[in-house]
Amino acid sequence: MPSMVDIPAGTIALRDDRLGTRWQVSLSAFRLACCPVVGSDGVPVTGISWYDAIALCNELSEKAGLPAAYVVDGLEVTCDWNSSGYRLPTEAEWQYACTAGTPAYRYGPLEDIAWYAGNSGGVAHPVGLKTPNAWGLHDMLGNVWEWCWDLYDPATYGAYRIFRGGGHADPPRSIGSTVRRRSHPTFAIEDLGLRLAQSSRTA
C-alpha cells in the first residue's frame, strides 16, 4: 500500500489565467501519497484515463480493506468525502501539497526536483529519485502529470477534468505548481498518471 503523508489544514490561492479569475480555498487536513501510483518497476502508472483512475482508487481501497470513496453509475461519479478510501486529490489539495504551504512556483531547483524534457531522456523514471518538497512528497513536479478530481470549466469544456504537475516530456515553463491542464475524462497518454489522497478526518 502507498506511503501516505499527513497534510495539515490550510488555505491556498488558485487562479485561472484563461479567465483571469482568482479564488481562495480553505482545506481541511488530508493525506496524500508520497509518490504517484507506480507499477512493479517503480515507474509511475500512465496511459490511464480519469475514469480508469477513479476505478483504480476504488480497487486499491478494496485491497486495503477500506470503504470505496467513489460511487460510479455509468459515466456519473460521486465522491464520499467522509470515506477513508483512496481518492484523487482536489485541484486545491494538489497545489497546496505541492507548494508545502508556501507560494513558491517550484519547491526547489528544477534539475533537483523534477524529470522534464531537459533531463528525462523522453521517458518516465522510477519515483523518489528527485529531492522531495518540505512535506516529503516526491515527484509533485515533473515525471508524470497527475489527475485531479475537479471539473475544469463545465460551462465551456463540459466533462473535462484537471491534471497537474508537468511530465517528463514538458519544457521548464510547464513544470510549476500553478500550471493547469485539462482533458476529457476518457483521455489517456503516456505521461499522465495519478496520486492517491485520503480524507484525514476518518482515515
Foldseek 3Di string as FASTA:
>chain_A
DFDKFKAAWDKDKAADVVVGDIDMDTGHIWIWGLEAPPDPVLFHDFQAFLVRQLVVQQVVCVVVVWHRQWDDDPPDIDGDQLGQTKDFAALRVLLCVQCVNDPDFHQDPDVQAEQAQVHPVPAADRWDPHDGHPRNRHQSAERAKAWHDDDDDCVVQNQKGKIAHHYNHHDPVRGTSRRIDIDHRVDTDRRYGHIIMGNPVND
